[in-house]
Amino acid sequence: MKLTTLAAKFLRIGATGFGGPMALIGLMEQHFIKETGDLTPEDLADGIAIGQTLPGPVAVDCATHLGYRTRGVVGAVVSTICLILPAFVLMLVLSPLYFEYGKVPQAIAFFRGVGPAVVAVILVAAWRLSRKFVGDIRAGVVAGLACAGIVFRVNPVLIILGSGLVGLLIGGPKKKPEPEAQTEGAS
């Protein structure tokens, strides 16, 4: 992939990806895996894992990883800058407008209307990603309990440790099926 193509994709994701990290990651999946196949789902999963481990925004860390996977260190820098640049420019433009007109009833109504749309974008992205990474009912149970922990503001360390414990208690690792014994004379 050309560096200009990588930059254009991340500029587009940064400019159209409203709804937080899940929406941005969903767009990365769409642009790099589904549309072009430039990266694998495993590359995206690695980027998400790295993003959750490192300090800073998950989506930015994931974009840095994906840029690195496609074009090395230069790709990592370009993808990070291009993902952040549209939001930075938008904040530069909207901040003075908000301070000037933020108390106007029409502006308040606009921001109240945007909220549900952002929630819908996040839910759609979370649903698409969960279908890919939650493979069976046991993983679904663990994911559901972890989500409940997040909703009830449980300490993230406790969520991770509890998820591991629940995973062990409800089945542990999958067992490989044993090969059936062949009977004599069977063809």
N, C-alpha and C. Protein backbone atom coordinates (compact mmCIF):
# COMPACT_ATOMS: atom_id res chain seq x y z
N MET A 1 0.84 -1.17 0.00
CA MET A 1 0.00 0.00 0.00
C MET A 1 0.89 1.24 0.00
N LYS A 2 0.55 2.20 -0.83
CA LYS A 2 1.30 3.44 -0.90
C LYS A 2 1.06 4.25 0.37
N LEU A 3 2.05 5.06 0.72
CA LEU A 3 1.95 5.90 1.90
C LEU A 3 0.83 6.92 1.75
N THR A 4 0.63 7.43 0.54
CA THR A 4 -0.45 8.40 0.31
C THR A 4 -1.82 7.75 0.48
N THR A 5 -1.94 6.48 0.07
CA THR A 5 -3.20 5.76 0.25
C THR A 5 -3.47 5.54 1.74
N LEU A 6 -2.43 5.16 2.47
CA LEU A 6 -2.56 4.97 3.91
C LEU A 6 -2.99 6.27 4.58
N ALA A 7 -2.34 7.38 4.20
CA ALA A 7 -2.69 8.68 4.77
C ALA A 7 -4.13 9.06 4.45
N ALA A 8 -4.54 8.83 3.21
CA ALA A 8 -5.91 9.19 2.81
C ALA A 8 -6.94 8.37 3.58
N LYS A 9 -6.67 7.08 3.77
CA LYS A 9 -7.62 6.24 4.51
C LYS A 9 -7.76 6.72 5.96
N PHE A 10 -6.63 7.02 6.61
CA PHE A 10 -6.71 7.45 7.99
C PHE A 10 -7.27 8.86 8.13
N LEU A 11 -7.04 9.72 7.15
CA LEU A 11 -7.70 11.02 7.18
C LEU A 11 -9.22 10.86 7.07
N ARG A 12 -9.65 9.96 6.20
CA ARG A 12 -11.09 9.71 6.05
C ARG A 12 -11.68 9.13 7.33
N ILE A 13 -10.99 8.17 7.93
CA ILE A 13 -11.47 7.57 9.18
C ILE A 13 -11.54 8.64 10.27
N GLY A 14 -10.50 9.46 10.37
CA GLY A 14 -10.48 10.51 11.38
C GLY A 14 -11.57 11.56 11.16
N ALA A 15 -11.90 11.83 9.89
CA ALA A 15 -12.90 12.85 9.58
C ALA A 15 -14.33 12.33 9.73
N THR A 16 -14.54 11.04 9.54
CA THR A 16 -15.91 10.51 9.57
C THR A 16 -16.20 9.62 10.77
N GLY A 17 -15.21 9.34 11.58
CA GLY A 17 -15.37 8.40 12.68
C GLY A 17 -15.83 9.03 13.97
N PHE A 18 -17.11 9.35 14.05
CA PHE A 18 -17.67 9.90 15.27
C PHE A 18 -18.21 8.77 16.12
N GLY A 19 -18.00 8.84 17.43
CA GLY A 19 -18.54 7.83 18.31
C GLY A 19 -17.50 7.16 19.17
N GLY A 20 -16.31 7.64 19.18
CA GLY A 20 -15.30 7.10 20.07
C GLY A 20 -14.50 5.97 19.45
N PRO A 21 -13.74 5.28 20.30
CA PRO A 21 -12.79 4.27 19.79
C PRO A 21 -13.45 3.11 19.07
N MET A 22 -14.59 2.66 19.53
CA MET A 22 -15.24 1.51 18.87
C MET A 22 -15.66 1.88 17.45
N ALA A 23 -16.16 3.07 17.27
CA ALA A 23 -16.55 3.50 15.92
C ALA A 23 -15.33 3.62 15.02
N LEU A 24 -14.24 4.17 15.54
CA LEU A 24 -13.02 4.29 14.75
C LEU A 24 -12.45 2.92 14.39
N ILE A 25 -12.44 2.02 15.34
CA ILE A 25 -11.92 0.67 15.08
C ILE A 25 -12.81 -0.04 14.07
N GLY A 26 -14.12 0.17 14.16
CA GLY A 26 -15.03 -0.41 13.17
C GLY A 26 -14.73 0.11 11.76
N LEU A 27 -14.41 1.40 11.65
CA LEU A 27 -14.06 1.96 10.35
C LEU A 27 -12.72 1.41 9.85
N MET A 28 -11.77 1.22 10.76
CA MET A 28 -10.49 0.62 10.37
C MET A 28 -10.71 -0.78 9.82
N GLU A 29 -11.58 -1.53 10.49
CA GLU A 29 -11.90 -2.88 10.00
C GLU A 29 -12.51 -2.81 8.60
N GLN A 30 -13.43 -1.89 8.42
CA GLN A 30 -14.10 -1.74 7.12
C GLN A 30 -13.10 -1.40 6.01
N HIS A 31 -12.23 -0.43 6.26
CA HIS A 31 -11.32 0.07 5.22
C HIS A 31 -10.14 -0.86 4.94
N PHE A 32 -9.61 -1.50 5.97
CA PHE A 32 -8.37 -2.26 5.79
C PHE A 32 -8.57 -3.76 5.66
N ILE A 33 -9.69 -4.28 6.14
CA ILE A 33 -9.90 -5.73 6.10
C ILE A 33 -10.99 -6.09 5.10
N LYS A 34 -12.17 -5.51 5.27
CA LYS A 34 -13.30 -5.89 4.42
C LYS A 34 -13.18 -5.38 3.00
N GLU A 35 -12.83 -4.10 2.84
CA GLU A 35 -12.80 -3.51 1.50
C GLU A 35 -11.60 -3.95 0.67
N THR A 36 -10.42 -3.92 1.28
CA THR A 36 -9.21 -4.16 0.48
C THR A 36 -8.45 -5.41 0.87
N GLY A 37 -8.64 -5.91 2.06
CA GLY A 37 -7.89 -7.09 2.51
C GLY A 37 -6.41 -6.79 2.73
N ASP A 38 -6.06 -5.52 2.93
CA ASP A 38 -4.66 -5.16 3.16
C ASP A 38 -4.13 -5.73 4.47
N LEU A 39 -5.03 -5.91 5.43
CA LEU A 39 -4.65 -6.45 6.73
C LEU A 39 -5.59 -7.59 7.08
N THR A 40 -5.19 -8.39 8.05
CA THR A 40 -6.00 -9.52 8.48
C THR A 40 -6.77 -9.16 9.75
N PRO A 41 -7.81 -9.92 10.08
CA PRO A 41 -8.50 -9.69 11.35
C PRO A 41 -7.56 -9.85 12.55
N GLU A 42 -6.55 -10.71 12.41
CA GLU A 42 -5.59 -10.89 13.49
C GLU A 42 -4.76 -9.62 13.70
N ASP A 43 -4.43 -8.92 12.60
CA ASP A 43 -3.71 -7.65 12.73
C ASP A 43 -4.55 -6.65 13.51
N LEU A 44 -5.85 -6.60 13.22
CA LEU A 44 -6.73 -5.69 13.93
C LEU A 44 -6.85 -6.09 15.40
N ALA A 45 -7.00 -7.38 15.65
CA ALA A 45 -7.10 -7.86 17.04
C ALA A 45 -5.83 -7.53 17.81
N ASP A 46 -4.67 -7.69 17.16
CA ASP A 46 -3.41 -7.32 17.81
C ASP A 46 -3.37 -5.83 18.10
N GLY A 47 -3.83 -5.02 17.16
CA GLY A 47 -3.86 -3.57 17.36
C GLY A 47 -4.77 -3.17 18.51
N ILE A 48 -5.91 -3.82 18.62
CA ILE A 48 -6.83 -3.54 19.73
C ILE A 48 -6.19 -3.93 21.05
N ALA A 49 -5.57 -5.11 21.08
CA ALA A 49 -4.91 -5.57 22.31
C ALA A 49 -3.79 -4.62 22.72
N ILE A 50 -3.00 -4.19 21.75
CA ILE A 50 -1.92 -3.25 22.04
C ILE A 50 -2.50 -1.93 22.54
N GLY A 51 -3.57 -1.48 21.87
CA GLY A 51 -4.21 -0.23 22.27
C GLY A 51 -4.76 -0.27 23.67
N GLN A 52 -5.27 -1.41 24.09
CA GLN A 52 -5.80 -1.53 25.44
C GLN A 52 -4.71 -1.65 26.49
N THR A 53 -3.54 -2.10 26.06
CA THR A 53 -2.43 -2.27 26.99
C THR A 53 -1.66 -0.97 27.21
N LEU A 54 -1.45 -0.22 26.13
CA LEU A 54 -0.66 1.00 26.21
C LEU A 54 -1.49 2.16 26.74
N PRO A 55 -0.83 3.14 27.36
CA PRO A 55 -1.59 4.34 27.76
C PRO A 55 -2.01 5.14 26.53
N GLY A 56 -3.09 5.86 26.66
CA GLY A 56 -3.56 6.68 25.56
C GLY A 56 -4.80 6.09 24.92
N PRO A 57 -5.34 6.78 23.93
CA PRO A 57 -6.56 6.33 23.28
C PRO A 57 -6.35 5.00 22.53
N VAL A 58 -7.26 4.08 22.73
CA VAL A 58 -7.17 2.75 22.11
C VAL A 58 -7.14 2.85 20.59
N ALA A 59 -8.01 3.66 20.03
CA ALA A 59 -8.10 3.76 18.57
C ALA A 59 -6.83 4.33 17.97
N VAL A 60 -6.21 5.29 18.63
CA VAL A 60 -4.98 5.88 18.11
C VAL A 60 -3.85 4.86 18.18
N ASP A 61 -3.76 4.14 19.29
CA ASP A 61 -2.74 3.09 19.40
C ASP A 61 -2.95 2.01 18.36
N CYS A 62 -4.21 1.64 18.12
CA CYS A 62 -4.53 0.64 17.10
C CYS A 62 -4.15 1.15 15.71
N ALA A 63 -4.44 2.41 15.42
CA ALA A 63 -4.08 2.99 14.13
C ALA A 63 -2.56 3.00 13.95
N THR A 64 -1.85 3.31 15.01
CA THR A 64 -0.39 3.30 14.94
C THR A 64 0.12 1.91 14.60
N HIS A 65 -0.47 0.90 15.23
CA HIS A 65 -0.07 -0.48 14.95
C HIS A 65 -0.38 -0.86 13.50
N LEU A 66 -1.57 -0.51 13.03
CA LEU A 66 -1.94 -0.86 11.66
C LEU A 66 -1.05 -0.14 10.65
N GLY A 67 -0.71 1.12 10.92
CA GLY A 67 0.20 1.84 10.05
C GLY A 67 1.58 1.19 10.04
N TYR A 68 2.01 0.73 11.20
CA TYR A 68 3.30 0.05 11.28
C TYR A 68 3.29 -1.26 10.50
N ARG A 69 2.18 -1.99 10.58
CA ARG A 69 2.06 -3.27 9.86
C ARG A 69 2.09 -3.07 8.35
N THR A 70 1.60 -1.93 7.88
CA THR A 70 1.56 -1.72 6.43
C THR A 70 2.81 -1.04 5.88
N ARG A 71 3.36 -0.05 6.61
CA ARG A 71 4.48 0.72 6.06
C ARG A 71 5.60 0.99 7.06
N GLY A 72 5.70 0.20 8.12
CA GLY A 72 6.80 0.37 9.06
C GLY A 72 6.63 1.61 9.94
N VAL A 73 7.77 2.13 10.41
CA VAL A 73 7.75 3.26 11.33
C VAL A 73 7.14 4.50 10.68
N VAL A 74 7.46 4.75 9.44
CA VAL A 74 6.89 5.92 8.74
C VAL A 74 5.37 5.76 8.64
N GLY A 75 4.89 4.57 8.34
CA GLY A 75 3.46 4.32 8.28
C GLY A 75 2.79 4.53 9.62
N ALA A 76 3.47 4.16 10.70
CA ALA A 76 2.92 4.36 12.04
C ALA A 76 2.75 5.84 12.34
N VAL A 77 3.75 6.63 12.00
CA VAL A 77 3.69 8.07 12.25
C VAL A 77 2.61 8.72 11.39
N VAL A 78 2.58 8.37 10.11
CA VAL A 78 1.59 8.96 9.19
C VAL A 78 0.18 8.59 9.61
N SER A 79 -0.05 7.33 9.94
CA SER A 79 -1.41 6.90 10.31
C SER A 79 -1.88 7.60 11.58
N THR A 80 -0.98 7.76 12.54
CA THR A 80 -1.35 8.42 13.78
C THR A 80 -1.69 9.88 13.55
N ILE A 81 -0.84 10.59 12.81
CA ILE A 81 -1.09 12.01 12.54
C ILE A 81 -2.38 12.19 11.74
N CYS A 82 -2.57 11.35 10.72
CA CYS A 82 -3.75 11.51 9.86
C CYS A 82 -5.04 11.14 10.59
N LEU A 83 -4.99 10.25 11.56
CA LEU A 83 -6.19 9.92 12.33
C LEU A 83 -6.56 11.07 13.26
N ILE A 84 -5.57 11.69 13.85
CA ILE A 84 -5.82 12.74 14.84
C ILE A 84 -6.11 14.10 14.20
N LEU A 85 -5.52 14.37 13.05
CA LEU A 85 -5.59 15.70 12.43
C LEU A 85 -7.02 16.22 12.21
N PRO A 86 -7.95 15.45 11.66
CA PRO A 86 -9.31 16.01 11.47
C PRO A 86 -9.98 16.43 12.78
N ALA A 87 -9.83 15.64 13.83
CA ALA A 87 -10.44 16.00 15.12
C ALA A 87 -9.78 17.26 15.69
N PHE A 88 -8.47 17.36 15.52
CA PHE A 88 -7.75 18.53 16.01
C PHE A 88 -8.24 19.80 15.30
N VAL A 89 -8.35 19.74 13.98
CA VAL A 89 -8.82 20.89 13.21
C VAL A 89 -10.27 21.23 13.58
N LEU A 90 -11.09 20.20 13.73
CA LEU A 90 -12.49 20.43 14.10
C LEU A 90 -12.60 21.11 15.47
N MET A 91 -11.77 20.70 16.41
CA MET A 91 -11.79 21.33 17.73
C MET A 91 -11.32 22.79 17.65
N LEU A 92 -10.33 23.05 16.80
CA LEU A 92 -9.87 24.43 16.64
C LEU A 92 -10.97 25.32 16.10
N VAL A 93 -11.80 24.78 15.21
CA VAL A 93 -12.87 25.56 14.61
C VAL A 93 -14.08 25.66 15.54
N LEU A 94 -14.46 24.54 16.16
CA LEU A 94 -15.70 24.52 16.95
C LEU A 94 -15.56 25.13 18.34
N SER A 95 -14.39 25.10 18.92
CA SER A 95 -14.25 25.62 20.29
C SER A 95 -14.65 27.08 20.41
N PRO A 96 -14.16 27.97 19.58
CA PRO A 96 -14.62 29.37 19.70
C PRO A 96 -16.12 29.52 19.45
N LEU A 97 -16.65 28.72 18.50
CA LEU A 97 -18.09 28.79 18.23
C LEU A 97 -18.90 28.32 19.44
N TYR A 98 -18.43 27.27 20.09
CA TYR A 98 -19.15 26.76 21.26
C TYR A 98 -19.13 27.78 22.40
N PHE A 99 -17.97 28.40 22.63
CA PHE A 99 -17.90 29.38 23.71
C PHE A 99 -18.75 30.61 23.42
N GLU A 100 -18.91 30.92 22.14
CA GLU A 100 -19.71 32.08 21.76
C GLU A 100 -21.21 31.76 21.76
N TYR A 101 -21.59 30.58 21.22
CA TYR A 101 -23.00 30.27 21.01
C TYR A 101 -23.48 29.03 21.78
N GLY A 102 -22.69 28.50 22.67
CA GLY A 102 -23.03 27.26 23.37
C GLY A 102 -24.27 27.32 24.24
N LYS A 103 -24.65 28.50 24.67
CA LYS A 103 -25.84 28.65 25.53
C LYS A 103 -27.11 28.96 24.74
N VAL A 104 -26.98 29.06 23.43
CA VAL A 104 -28.14 29.34 22.57
C VAL A 104 -29.01 28.07 22.53
N PRO A 105 -30.34 28.19 22.68
CA PRO A 105 -31.20 27.01 22.73
C PRO A 105 -31.06 26.08 21.51
N GLN A 106 -30.86 26.64 20.33
CA GLN A 106 -30.71 25.80 19.14
C GLN A 106 -29.43 24.96 19.22
N ALA A 107 -28.37 25.54 19.75
CA ALA A 107 -27.11 24.80 19.90
C ALA A 107 -27.27 23.69 20.93
N ILE A 108 -27.96 23.97 22.01
CA ILE A 108 -28.19 22.94 23.04
C ILE A 108 -29.01 21.80 22.45
N ALA A 109 -30.04 22.12 21.68
CA ALA A 109 -30.86 21.08 21.04
C ALA A 109 -30.05 20.26 20.06
N PHE A 110 -29.15 20.91 19.31
CA PHE A 110 -28.30 20.18 18.36
C PHE A 110 -27.44 19.15 19.09
N PHE A 111 -26.78 19.57 20.17
CA PHE A 111 -25.89 18.66 20.89
C PHE A 111 -26.67 17.53 21.57
N ARG A 112 -27.89 17.80 21.99
CA ARG A 112 -28.73 16.73 22.55
C ARG A 112 -29.14 15.73 21.47
N GLY A 113 -29.32 16.19 20.26
CA GLY A 113 -29.69 15.30 19.16
C GLY A 113 -28.53 14.45 18.68
N VAL A 114 -27.32 14.96 18.78
CA VAL A 114 -26.15 14.22 18.33
C VAL A 114 -25.86 13.04 19.26
N GLY A 115 -26.14 13.18 20.54
CA GLY A 115 -25.84 12.14 21.53
C GLY A 115 -26.38 10.76 21.18
N PRO A 116 -27.69 10.60 20.90
CA PRO A 116 -28.21 9.28 20.56
C PRO A 116 -27.60 8.70 19.28
N ALA A 117 -27.28 9.56 18.32
CA ALA A 117 -26.65 9.06 17.09
C ALA A 117 -25.27 8.49 17.38
N VAL A 118 -24.53 9.15 18.26
CA VAL A 118 -23.20 8.65 18.63
C VAL A 118 -23.33 7.31 19.35
N VAL A 119 -24.29 7.18 20.23
CA VAL A 119 -24.51 5.91 20.93
C VAL A 119 -24.84 4.81 19.93
N ALA A 120 -25.65 5.10 18.94
CA ALA A 120 -26.01 4.10 17.92
C ALA A 120 -24.78 3.66 17.13
N VAL A 121 -23.91 4.60 16.77
CA VAL A 121 -22.69 4.25 16.05
C VAL A 121 -21.81 3.34 16.89
N ILE A 122 -21.68 3.65 18.17
CA ILE A 122 -20.87 2.83 19.07
C ILE A 122 -21.45 1.43 19.19
N LEU A 123 -22.76 1.32 19.35
CA LEU A 123 -23.40 0.01 19.49
C LEU A 123 -23.23 -0.85 18.23
N VAL A 124 -23.37 -0.24 17.06
CA VAL A 124 -23.19 -0.98 15.81
C VAL A 124 -21.75 -1.49 15.69
N ALA A 125 -20.78 -0.63 15.99
CA ALA A 125 -19.38 -1.05 15.91
C ALA A 125 -19.08 -2.15 16.92
N ALA A 126 -19.60 -2.02 18.13
CA ALA A 126 -19.38 -3.05 19.15
C ALA A 126 -20.01 -4.38 18.73
N TRP A 127 -21.19 -4.33 18.15
CA TRP A 127 -21.86 -5.55 17.70
C TRP A 127 -21.05 -6.25 16.61
N ARG A 128 -20.57 -5.48 15.62
CA ARG A 128 -19.78 -6.07 14.53
C ARG A 128 -18.49 -6.70 15.04
N LEU A 129 -17.82 -5.99 15.94
CA LEU A 129 -16.56 -6.53 16.46
C LEU A 129 -16.81 -7.74 17.36
N SER A 130 -17.89 -7.72 18.14
CA SER A 130 -18.16 -8.85 19.03
C SER A 130 -18.49 -10.11 18.24
N ARG A 131 -19.18 -9.98 17.12
CA ARG A 131 -19.48 -11.16 16.30
C ARG A 131 -18.21 -11.81 15.80
N LYS A 132 -17.19 -11.02 15.58
CA LYS A 132 -15.93 -11.54 15.05
C LYS A 132 -15.08 -12.19 16.15
N PHE A 133 -15.09 -11.62 17.36
CA PHE A 133 -14.15 -12.06 18.39
C PHE A 133 -14.79 -12.90 19.50
N VAL A 134 -16.11 -12.96 19.56
CA VAL A 134 -16.77 -13.80 20.56
C VAL A 134 -17.26 -15.04 19.82
N GLY A 135 -16.49 -16.13 19.94
CA GLY A 135 -16.72 -17.29 19.09
C GLY A 135 -17.72 -18.30 19.61
N ASP A 136 -17.95 -18.38 20.92
CA ASP A 136 -18.87 -19.38 21.44
C ASP A 136 -19.60 -18.82 22.65
N ILE A 137 -20.47 -19.64 23.23
CA ILE A 137 -21.33 -19.18 24.33
C ILE A 137 -20.51 -18.84 25.58
N ARG A 138 -19.43 -19.59 25.81
CA ARG A 138 -18.59 -19.30 26.98
C ARG A 138 -17.94 -17.92 26.85
N ALA A 139 -17.43 -17.63 25.67
CA ALA A 139 -16.83 -16.31 25.45
C ALA A 139 -17.90 -15.22 25.56
N GLY A 140 -19.11 -15.51 25.11
CA GLY A 140 -20.20 -14.55 25.23
C GLY A 140 -20.56 -14.26 26.67
N VAL A 141 -20.55 -15.30 27.51
CA VAL A 141 -20.84 -15.12 28.94
C VAL A 141 -19.77 -14.24 29.58
N VAL A 142 -18.51 -14.53 29.29
CA VAL A 142 -17.42 -13.74 29.85
C VAL A 142 -17.51 -12.29 29.37
N ALA A 143 -17.77 -12.10 28.08
CA ALA A 143 -17.89 -10.74 27.53
C ALA A 143 -19.06 -10.01 28.18
N GLY A 144 -20.19 -10.68 28.36
CA GLY A 144 -21.35 -10.06 28.98
C GLY A 144 -21.08 -9.65 30.42
N LEU A 145 -20.42 -10.52 31.17
CA LEU A 145 -20.09 -10.18 32.55
C LEU A 145 -19.08 -9.02 32.61
N ALA A 146 -18.14 -9.02 31.68
CA ALA A 146 -17.17 -7.92 31.65
C ALA A 146 -17.87 -6.60 31.32
N CYS A 147 -18.81 -6.63 30.38
CA CYS A 147 -19.58 -5.42 30.05
C CYS A 147 -20.39 -4.94 31.25
N ALA A 148 -20.98 -5.88 31.98
CA ALA A 148 -21.73 -5.51 33.18
C ALA A 148 -20.80 -4.85 34.20
N GLY A 149 -19.60 -5.39 34.32
CA GLY A 149 -18.62 -4.79 35.23
C GLY A 149 -18.28 -3.36 34.84
N ILE A 150 -18.17 -3.13 33.54
CA ILE A 150 -17.87 -1.78 33.07
C ILE A 150 -19.03 -0.84 33.37
N VAL A 151 -20.26 -1.30 33.11
CA VAL A 151 -21.44 -0.48 33.36
C VAL A 151 -21.54 -0.09 34.83
N PHE A 152 -21.20 -1.04 35.72
CA PHE A 152 -21.30 -0.77 37.15
C PHE A 152 -20.00 -0.23 37.73
N ARG A 153 -19.10 0.20 36.86
CA ARG A 153 -17.86 0.88 37.22
C ARG A 153 -16.97 0.07 38.16
N VAL A 154 -16.82 -1.21 37.85
CA VAL A 154 -15.91 -2.07 38.60
C VAL A 154 -14.49 -1.76 38.13
N ASN A 155 -13.55 -1.86 39.01
CA ASN A 155 -12.15 -1.62 38.68
C ASN A 155 -11.73 -2.51 37.52
N PRO A 156 -11.09 -1.95 36.47
CA PRO A 156 -10.71 -2.75 35.30
C PRO A 156 -9.81 -3.95 35.63
N VAL A 157 -8.95 -3.81 36.61
CA VAL A 157 -8.09 -4.94 37.00
C VAL A 157 -8.96 -6.08 37.51
N LEU A 158 -9.98 -5.76 38.31
CA LEU A 158 -10.88 -6.79 38.82
C LEU A 158 -11.69 -7.42 37.68
N ILE A 159 -12.05 -6.63 36.68
CA ILE A 159 -12.79 -7.17 35.53
C ILE A 159 -11.92 -8.18 34.78
N ILE A 160 -10.66 -7.84 34.56
CA ILE A 160 -9.76 -8.74 33.84
C ILE A 160 -9.53 -10.02 34.64
N LEU A 161 -9.22 -9.88 35.92
CA LEU A 161 -8.99 -11.07 36.75
C LEU A 161 -10.27 -11.91 36.88
N GLY A 162 -11.40 -11.24 37.06
CA GLY A 162 -12.67 -11.96 37.17
C GLY A 162 -13.03 -12.67 35.87
N SER A 163 -12.76 -12.04 34.74
CA SER A 163 -13.04 -12.67 33.45
C SER A 163 -12.21 -13.94 33.27
N GLY A 164 -10.94 -13.86 33.66
CA GLY A 164 -10.10 -15.06 33.58
C GLY A 164 -10.60 -16.16 34.48
N LEU A 165 -11.01 -15.81 35.69
CA LEU A 165 -11.52 -16.80 36.63
C LEU A 165 -12.83 -17.42 36.13
N VAL A 166 -13.74 -16.59 35.63
CA VAL A 166 -15.00 -17.11 35.09
C VAL A 166 -14.73 -18.02 33.90
N GLY A 167 -13.79 -17.62 33.04
CA GLY A 167 -13.43 -18.45 31.89
C GLY A 167 -12.93 -19.82 32.31
N LEU A 168 -12.13 -19.86 33.36
CA LEU A 168 -11.64 -21.15 33.87
C LEU A 168 -12.78 -21.97 34.48
N LEU A 169 -13.67 -21.30 35.21
CA LEU A 169 -14.74 -22.01 35.90
C LEU A 169 -15.79 -22.59 34.96
N ILE A 170 -16.05 -21.91 33.84
CA ILE A 170 -17.11 -22.40 32.96
C ILE A 170 -16.61 -23.29 31.85
N GLY A 171 -15.40 -23.71 31.92
CA GLY A 171 -15.00 -24.69 30.92
C GLY A 171 -13.53 -24.78 30.61
N GLY A 172 -12.76 -23.80 30.98
CA GLY A 172 -11.33 -23.87 30.68
C GLY A 172 -11.09 -23.94 29.19
N PRO A 173 -9.91 -24.41 28.81
CA PRO A 173 -9.60 -24.49 27.38
C PRO A 173 -10.43 -25.56 26.70
N LYS A 174 -10.68 -25.35 25.41
CA LYS A 174 -11.45 -26.33 24.64
C LYS A 174 -10.62 -27.59 24.49
N LYS A 175 -11.28 -28.74 24.62
CA LYS A 175 -10.61 -30.01 24.44
C LYS A 175 -10.73 -30.46 23.00
N LYS A 176 -9.66 -31.02 22.48
CA LYS A 176 -9.69 -31.54 21.11
C LYS A 176 -10.44 -32.87 21.13
N PRO A 177 -11.30 -33.09 20.13
CA PRO A 177 -12.01 -34.38 20.09
C PRO A 177 -11.02 -35.50 19.80
N GLU A 178 -11.24 -36.61 20.49
CA GLU A 178 -10.37 -37.76 20.27
C GLU A 178 -10.79 -38.47 19.00
N PRO A 179 -9.82 -38.96 18.22
CA PRO A 179 -10.19 -39.66 16.99
C PRO A 179 -10.91 -40.96 17.33
N GLU A 180 -11.91 -41.26 16.50
CA GLU A 180 -12.69 -42.48 16.72
C GLU A 180 -11.85 -43.68 16.32
N ALA A 181 -11.99 -44.76 17.10
CA ALA A 181 -11.26 -46.00 16.78
C ALA A 181 -11.91 -46.64 15.57
N GLN A 182 -11.09 -47.03 14.61
CA GLN A 182 -11.62 -47.67 13.42
C GLN A 182 -11.78 -49.16 13.68
N THR A 183 -12.91 -49.67 13.22
CA THR A 183 -13.15 -51.11 13.40
C THR A 183 -12.54 -51.87 12.25
N GLU A 184 -12.23 -53.14 12.52
CA GLU A 184 -11.61 -53.98 11.50
C GLU A 184 -12.60 -54.25 10.39
N GLY A 185 -12.17 -54.19 9.18
CA GLY A 185 -13.02 -54.47 8.04
C GLY A 185 -13.77 -53.25 7.54
N ALA A 186 -13.64 -52.11 8.23
CA ALA A 186 -14.31 -50.90 7.74
C ALA A 186 -13.54 -50.33 6.58
N SER A 187 -14.24 -49.79 5.60
CA SER A 187 -13.54 -49.25 4.44
C SER A 187 -13.49 -47.77 4.45
